[in-house]
PDB file of all heavy atoms in Angstrom:
ATOM      1  N   ARG A   1       8.598   3.423  16.475  1.00  0.00           N
ATOM      2  CA  ARG A   1       8.868   3.663  17.898  1.00  0.00           C
ATOM      3  C   ARG A   1       7.620   4.197  18.600  1.00  0.00           C
ATOM      4  O   ARG A   1       7.317   3.801  19.719  1.00  0.00           O
ATOM      5  CB  ARG A   1      10.021   4.652  18.068  1.00  0.00           C
ATOM      6  CG  ARG A   1      11.380   4.026  17.918  1.00  0.00           C
ATOM      7  CD  ARG A   1      12.496   4.927  18.441  1.00  0.00           C
ATOM      8  NE  ARG A   1      12.443   6.287  17.956  1.00  0.00           N
ATOM      9  CZ  ARG A   1      13.042   6.744  16.857  1.00  0.00           C
ATOM     10  NH1 ARG A   1      13.757   5.902  16.115  1.00  0.00           N
ATOM     11  NH2 ARG A   1      12.955   7.992  16.500  1.00  0.00           N
ATOM     12  N   ARG A   2       6.875   5.071  17.928  1.00  0.00           N
ATOM     13  CA  ARG A   2       5.678   5.666  18.547  1.00  0.00           C
ATOM     14  C   ARG A   2       4.532   4.663  18.687  1.00  0.00           C
ATOM     15  O   ARG A   2       3.837   4.659  19.690  1.00  0.00           O
ATOM     16  CB  ARG A   2       5.193   6.856  17.726  1.00  0.00           C
ATOM     17  CG  ARG A   2       6.042   8.068  17.859  1.00  0.00           C
ATOM     18  CD  ARG A   2       5.433   9.207  17.096  1.00  0.00           C
ATOM     19  NE  ARG A   2       6.302  10.363  17.114  1.00  0.00           N
ATOM     20  CZ  ARG A   2       6.080  11.463  16.420  1.00  0.00           C
ATOM     21  NH1 ARG A   2       5.007  11.543  15.655  1.00  0.00           N
ATOM     22  NH2 ARG A   2       6.919  12.456  16.488  1.00  0.00           N
ATOM     23  N   LEU A   3       4.327   3.853  17.662  1.00  0.00           N
ATOM     24  CA  LEU A   3       3.170   2.961  17.667  1.00  0.00           C
ATOM     25  C   LEU A   3       3.489   1.533  18.086  1.00  0.00           C
ATOM     26  O   LEU A   3       2.578   0.780  18.422  1.00  0.00           O
ATOM     27  CB  LEU A   3       2.535   2.936  16.270  1.00  0.00           C
ATOM     28  CG  LEU A   3       1.960   4.249  15.773  1.00  0.00           C
ATOM     29  CD1 LEU A   3       1.396   4.080  14.373  1.00  0.00           C
ATOM     30  CD2 LEU A   3       0.907   4.788  16.717  1.00  0.00           C
ATOM     31  N   GLY A   4       4.755   1.159  18.065  1.00  0.00           N
ATOM     32  CA  GLY A   4       5.130  -0.220  18.339  1.00  0.00           C
ATOM     33  C   GLY A   4       4.680  -0.741  19.685  1.00  0.00           C
ATOM     34  O   GLY A   4       4.365  -1.913  19.829  1.00  0.00           O
ATOM     35  N   THR A   5       4.633   0.132  20.673  1.00  0.00           N
ATOM     36  CA  THR A   5       4.206  -0.312  22.004  1.00  0.00           C
ATOM     37  C   THR A   5       2.693  -0.264  22.160  1.00  0.00           C
ATOM     38  O   THR A   5       2.159  -0.801  23.118  1.00  0.00           O
ATOM     39  CB  THR A   5       4.850   0.565  23.092  1.00  0.00           C
ATOM     40  OG1 THR A   5       4.477   1.925  22.862  1.00  0.00           O
ATOM     41  CG2 THR A   5       6.367   0.415  23.070  1.00  0.00           C
ATOM     42  N   ARG A   6       2.011   0.370  21.227  1.00  0.00           N
ATOM     43  CA  ARG A   6       0.553   0.542  21.335  1.00  0.00           C
ATOM     44  C   ARG A   6      -0.238  -0.361  20.410  1.00  0.00           C
ATOM     45  O   ARG A   6      -1.347  -0.764  20.717  1.00  0.00           O
ATOM     46  CB  ARG A   6       0.181   1.988  21.038  1.00  0.00           C
ATOM     47  CG  ARG A   6       0.772   2.949  22.011  1.00  0.00           C
ATOM     48  CD  ARG A   6       0.392   4.350  21.670  1.00  0.00           C
ATOM     49  NE  ARG A   6       1.105   5.257  22.561  1.00  0.00           N
ATOM     50  CZ  ARG A   6       1.113   6.542  22.403  1.00  0.00           C
ATOM     51  NH1 ARG A   6       0.477   7.088  21.394  1.00  0.00           N
ATOM     52  NH2 ARG A   6       1.771   7.290  23.239  1.00  0.00           N
ATOM     53  N   LEU A   7       0.321  -0.633  19.232  1.00  0.00           N
ATOM     54  CA  LEU A   7      -0.393  -1.417  18.229  1.00  0.00           C
ATOM     55  C   LEU A   7       0.506  -2.537  17.704  1.00  0.00           C
ATOM     56  O   LEU A   7       1.699  -2.332  17.522  1.00  0.00           O
ATOM     57  CB  LEU A   7      -0.807  -0.526  17.046  1.00  0.00           C
ATOM     58  CG  LEU A   7      -1.776   0.607  17.346  1.00  0.00           C
ATOM     59  CD1 LEU A   7      -1.916   1.499  16.123  1.00  0.00           C
ATOM     60  CD2 LEU A   7      -3.123   0.069  17.755  1.00  0.00           C
ATOM     61  N   PRO A   8      -0.057  -3.696  17.420  1.00  0.00           N
ATOM     62  CA  PRO A   8       0.754  -4.784  16.837  1.00  0.00           C
ATOM     63  C   PRO A   8       0.912  -4.588  15.333  1.00  0.00           C
ATOM     64  O   PRO A   8       0.185  -5.152  14.537  1.00  0.00           O
ATOM     65  CB  PRO A   8      -0.069  -6.023  17.162  1.00  0.00           C
ATOM     66  CG  PRO A   8      -1.482  -5.521  17.200  1.00  0.00           C
ATOM     67  CD  PRO A   8      -1.414  -4.109  17.721  1.00  0.00           C
ATOM     68  N   ILE A   9       1.859  -3.756  14.935  1.00  0.00           N
ATOM     69  CA  ILE A   9       2.065  -3.436  13.518  1.00  0.00           C
ATOM     70  C   ILE A   9       3.256  -4.234  12.995  1.00  0.00           C
ATOM     71  O   ILE A   9       4.350  -4.151  13.541  1.00  0.00           O
ATOM     72  CB  ILE A   9       2.315  -1.928  13.322  1.00  0.00           C
ATOM     73  CG1 ILE A   9       1.075  -1.139  13.758  1.00  0.00           C
ATOM     74  CG2 ILE A   9       2.675  -1.626  11.881  1.00  0.00           C
ATOM     75  CD1 ILE A   9       1.270   0.349  13.716  1.00  0.00           C
ATOM     76  N   ASP A  10       3.023  -5.014  11.926  1.00  0.00           N
ATOM     77  CA  ASP A  10       4.097  -5.802  11.322  1.00  0.00           C
ATOM     78  C   ASP A  10       4.790  -5.052  10.186  1.00  0.00           C
ATOM     79  O   ASP A  10       5.970  -5.215   9.972  1.00  0.00           O
ATOM     80  CB  ASP A  10       3.555  -7.125  10.778  1.00  0.00           C
ATOM     81  CG  ASP A  10       3.045  -8.029  11.884  1.00  0.00           C
ATOM     82  OD1 ASP A  10       3.609  -7.981  12.990  1.00  0.00           O
ATOM     83  OD2 ASP A  10       2.084  -8.752  11.647  1.00  0.00           O
ATOM     84  N   VAL A  11       4.008  -4.244   9.428  1.00  0.00           N
ATOM     85  CA  VAL A  11       4.556  -3.562   8.254  1.00  0.00           C
ATOM     86  C   VAL A  11       4.105  -2.110   8.249  1.00  0.00           C
ATOM     87  O   VAL A  11       2.925  -1.816   8.430  1.00  0.00           O
ATOM     88  CB  VAL A  11       4.102  -4.240   6.940  1.00  0.00           C
ATOM     89  CG1 VAL A  11       4.632  -3.482   5.733  1.00  0.00           C
ATOM     90  CG2 VAL A  11       4.553  -5.688   6.894  1.00  0.00           C
ATOM     91  N   ILE A  12       5.049  -1.220   8.046  1.00  0.00           N
ATOM     92  CA  ILE A  12       4.762   0.193   7.823  1.00  0.00           C
ATOM     93  C   ILE A  12       5.222   0.480   6.404  1.00  0.00           C
ATOM     94  O   ILE A  12       6.307   0.059   5.989  1.00  0.00           O
ATOM     95  CB  ILE A  12       5.523   1.088   8.823  1.00  0.00           C
ATOM     96  CG1 ILE A  12       5.039   0.810  10.250  1.00  0.00           C
ATOM     97  CG2 ILE A  12       5.356   2.559   8.469  1.00  0.00           C
ATOM     98  CD1 ILE A  12       5.865   1.506  11.320  1.00  0.00           C
ATOM     99  N   THR A  13       4.415   1.188   5.647  1.00  0.00           N
ATOM    100  CA  THR A  13       4.770   1.485   4.261  1.00  0.00           C
ATOM    101  C   THR A  13       4.460   2.938   3.933  1.00  0.00           C
ATOM    102  O   THR A  13       3.562   3.531   4.515  1.00  0.00           O
ATOM    103  CB  THR A  13       4.011   0.553   3.288  1.00  0.00           C
ATOM    104  OG1 THR A  13       4.408   0.872   1.952  1.00  0.00           O
ATOM    105  CG2 THR A  13       2.519   0.719   3.398  1.00  0.00           C
ATOM    106  N   THR A  14       5.242   3.495   3.014  1.00  0.00           N
ATOM    107  CA  THR A  14       4.928   4.830   2.528  1.00  0.00           C
ATOM    108  C   THR A  14       3.716   4.732   1.622  1.00  0.00           C
ATOM    109  O   THR A  14       3.472   3.704   0.990  1.00  0.00           O
ATOM    110  CB  THR A  14       6.119   5.440   1.762  1.00  0.00           C
ATOM    111  OG1 THR A  14       6.557   4.517   0.769  1.00  0.00           O
ATOM    112  CG2 THR A  14       7.268   5.754   2.695  1.00  0.00           C
ATOM    113  N   HIS A  15       2.945   5.790   1.588  1.00  0.00           N
ATOM    114  CA  HIS A  15       1.697   5.773   0.824  1.00  0.00           C
ATOM    115  C   HIS A  15       1.933   6.023  -0.663  1.00  0.00           C
ATOM    116  O   HIS A  15       1.272   5.454  -1.510  1.00  0.00           O
ATOM    117  CB  HIS A  15       0.738   6.812   1.396  1.00  0.00           C
ATOM    118  CG  HIS A  15      -0.647   6.729   0.851  1.00  0.00           C
ATOM    119  ND1 HIS A  15      -1.476   5.651   1.114  1.00  0.00           N
ATOM    120  CD2 HIS A  15      -1.348   7.552   0.061  1.00  0.00           C
ATOM    121  CE1 HIS A  15      -2.633   5.840   0.505  1.00  0.00           C
ATOM    122  NE2 HIS A  15      -2.574   6.984  -0.135  1.00  0.00           N
ATOM    123  N   TYR A  16       2.888   6.897  -0.955  1.00  0.00           N
ATOM    124  CA  TYR A  16       3.178   7.240  -2.350  1.00  0.00           C
ATOM    125  C   TYR A  16       4.599   6.827  -2.707  1.00  0.00           C
ATOM    126  O   TYR A  16       5.502   6.933  -1.884  1.00  0.00           O
ATOM    127  CB  TYR A  16       3.038   8.746  -2.573  1.00  0.00           C
ATOM    128  CG  TYR A  16       1.642   9.246  -2.325  1.00  0.00           C
ATOM    129  CD1 TYR A  16       1.334   9.944  -1.163  1.00  0.00           C
ATOM    130  CD2 TYR A  16       0.634   9.001  -3.243  1.00  0.00           C
ATOM    131  CE1 TYR A  16       0.053  10.399  -0.935  1.00  0.00           C
ATOM    132  CE2 TYR A  16      -0.649   9.452  -3.022  1.00  0.00           C
ATOM    133  CZ  TYR A  16      -0.945  10.152  -1.863  1.00  0.00           C
ATOM    134  OH  TYR A  16      -2.207  10.591  -1.639  1.00  0.00           O
ATOM    135  N   PRO A  17       4.822   6.376  -3.944  1.00  0.00           N
ATOM    136  CA  PRO A  17       6.189   6.035  -4.367  1.00  0.00           C
ATOM    137  C   PRO A  17       7.086   7.270  -4.367  1.00  0.00           C
ATOM    138  O   PRO A  17       6.613   8.395  -4.566  1.00  0.00           O
ATOM    139  CB  PRO A  17       6.004   5.508  -5.791  1.00  0.00           C
ATOM    140  CG  PRO A  17       4.561   5.190  -5.916  1.00  0.00           C
ATOM    141  CD  PRO A  17       3.836   6.096  -4.970  1.00  0.00           C
ATOM    142  N   ASP A  18       8.384   7.048  -4.173  1.00  0.00           N
ATOM    143  CA  ASP A  18       9.340   8.144  -4.212  1.00  0.00           C
ATOM    144  C   ASP A  18       9.736   8.440  -5.663  1.00  0.00           C
ATOM    145  O   ASP A  18       9.132   7.912  -6.604  1.00  0.00           O
ATOM    146  CB  ASP A  18      10.548   7.835  -3.336  1.00  0.00           C
ATOM    147  CG  ASP A  18      11.346   6.625  -3.798  1.00  0.00           C
ATOM    148  OD1 ASP A  18      11.126   6.145  -4.934  1.00  0.00           O
ATOM    149  OD2 ASP A  18      12.197   6.154  -3.029  1.00  0.00           O
ATOM    150  N   ALA A  19      10.758   9.268  -5.839  1.00  0.00           N
ATOM    151  CA  ALA A  19      11.188   9.663  -7.187  1.00  0.00           C
ATOM    152  C   ALA A  19      11.665   8.474  -8.016  1.00  0.00           C
ATOM    153  O   ALA A  19      11.631   8.510  -9.241  1.00  0.00           O
ATOM    154  CB  ALA A  19      12.296  10.712  -7.090  1.00  0.00           C
ATOM    155  N   ASP A  20      12.104   7.405  -7.351  1.00  0.00           N
ATOM    156  CA  ASP A  20      12.545   6.193  -8.056  1.00  0.00           C
ATOM    157  C   ASP A  20      11.406   5.197  -8.239  1.00  0.00           C
ATOM    158  O   ASP A  20      11.633   4.048  -8.603  1.00  0.00           O
ATOM    159  CB  ASP A  20      13.684   5.517  -7.290  1.00  0.00           C
ATOM    160  CG  ASP A  20      14.923   6.379  -7.223  1.00  0.00           C
ATOM    161  OD1 ASP A  20      15.199   7.087  -8.211  1.00  0.00           O
ATOM    162  OD2 ASP A  20      15.603   6.353  -6.183  1.00  0.00           O
ATOM    163  N   HIS A  21      10.184   5.631  -7.931  1.00  0.00           N
ATOM    164  CA  HIS A  21       8.981   4.788  -8.032  1.00  0.00           C
ATOM    165  C   HIS A  21       9.018   3.620  -7.050  1.00  0.00           C
ATOM    166  O   HIS A  21       8.457   2.566  -7.311  1.00  0.00           O
ATOM    167  CB  HIS A  21       8.764   4.285  -9.458  1.00  0.00           C
ATOM    168  CG  HIS A  21       8.738   5.384 -10.467  1.00  0.00           C
ATOM    169  ND1 HIS A  21       7.680   6.253 -10.593  1.00  0.00           N
ATOM    170  CD2 HIS A  21       9.655   5.801 -11.366  1.00  0.00           C
ATOM    171  CE1 HIS A  21       7.943   7.141 -11.535  1.00  0.00           C
ATOM    172  NE2 HIS A  21       9.137   6.882 -12.025  1.00  0.00           N
ATOM    173  N   SER A  22       9.695   3.819  -5.936  1.00  0.00           N
ATOM    174  CA  SER A  22       9.782   2.788  -4.905  1.00  0.00           C
ATOM    175  C   SER A  22       8.896   3.163  -3.720  1.00  0.00           C
ATOM    176  O   SER A  22       8.721   4.335  -3.407  1.00  0.00           O
ATOM    177  CB  SER A  22      11.220   2.640  -4.410  1.00  0.00           C
ATOM    178  OG  SER A  22      12.041   2.179  -5.449  1.00  0.00           O
ATOM    179  N   VAL A  23       8.373   2.151  -3.073  1.00  0.00           N
ATOM    180  CA  VAL A  23       7.595   2.330  -1.860  1.00  0.00           C
ATOM    181  C   VAL A  23       8.417   1.741  -0.729  1.00  0.00           C
ATOM    182  O   VAL A  23       8.925   0.624  -0.831  1.00  0.00           O
ATOM    183  CB  VAL A  23       6.224   1.621  -1.974  1.00  0.00           C
ATOM    184  CG1 VAL A  23       5.487   1.657  -0.656  1.00  0.00           C
ATOM    185  CG2 VAL A  23       5.387   2.263  -3.064  1.00  0.00           C
ATOM    186  N   LEU A  24       8.561   2.488   0.352  1.00  0.00           N
ATOM    187  CA  LEU A  24       9.351   2.035   1.483  1.00  0.00           C
ATOM    188  C   LEU A  24       8.529   1.091   2.349  1.00  0.00           C
ATOM    189  O   LEU A  24       7.382   1.374   2.684  1.00  0.00           O
ATOM    190  CB  LEU A  24       9.784   3.241   2.324  1.00  0.00           C
ATOM    191  CG  LEU A  24      10.487   2.931   3.634  1.00  0.00           C
ATOM    192  CD1 LEU A  24      11.862   2.324   3.365  1.00  0.00           C
ATOM    193  CD2 LEU A  24      10.614   4.180   4.476  1.00  0.00           C
ATOM    194  N   LEU A  25       9.106  -0.053   2.688  1.00  0.00           N
ATOM    195  CA  LEU A  25       8.496  -1.001   3.622  1.00  0.00           C
ATOM    196  C   LEU A  25       9.388  -1.100   4.849  1.00  0.00           C
ATOM    197  O   LEU A  25      10.589  -1.303   4.728  1.00  0.00           O
ATOM    198  CB  LEU A  25       8.357  -2.392   3.000  1.00  0.00           C
ATOM    199  CG  LEU A  25       7.400  -2.548   1.841  1.00  0.00           C
ATOM    200  CD1 LEU A  25       7.456  -3.979   1.313  1.00  0.00           C
ATOM    201  CD2 LEU A  25       6.001  -2.202   2.263  1.00  0.00           C
ATOM    202  N   ASN A  26       8.788  -0.965   6.018  1.00  0.00           N
ATOM    203  CA  ASN A  26       9.479  -1.157   7.274  1.00  0.00           C
ATOM    204  C   ASN A  26       8.812  -2.359   7.919  1.00  0.00           C
ATOM    205  O   ASN A  26       7.648  -2.296   8.286  1.00  0.00           O
ATOM    206  CB  ASN A  26       9.360   0.096   8.135  1.00  0.00           C
ATOM    207  CG  ASN A  26      10.051  -0.042   9.469  1.00  0.00           C
ATOM    208  OD1 ASN A  26       9.563  -0.767  10.334  1.00  0.00           O
ATOM    209  ND2 ASN A  26      11.158   0.649   9.638  1.00  0.00           N
ATOM    210  N   ILE A  27       9.528  -3.479   7.992  1.00  0.00           N
ATOM    211  CA  ILE A  27       8.932  -4.742   8.424  1.00  0.00           C
ATOM    212  C   ILE A  27       9.524  -5.171   9.759  1.00  0.00           C
ATOM    213  O   ILE A  27      10.746  -5.174   9.925  1.00  0.00           O
ATOM    214  CB  ILE A  27       9.173  -5.844   7.369  1.00  0.00           C
ATOM    215  CG1 ILE A  27       8.639  -5.400   6.014  1.00  0.00           C
ATOM    216  CG2 ILE A  27       8.543  -7.153   7.799  1.00  0.00           C
ATOM    217  CD1 ILE A  27       9.052  -6.271   4.859  1.00  0.00           C
TER     218      ILE A  27
END
């Protein structure tokens, strides 16, 4: 919401895996 109007971002991802060793992708 903060960057969507300012930058053309297709994918946002977490930098470090969580406790389940998963990385979050927001596409």
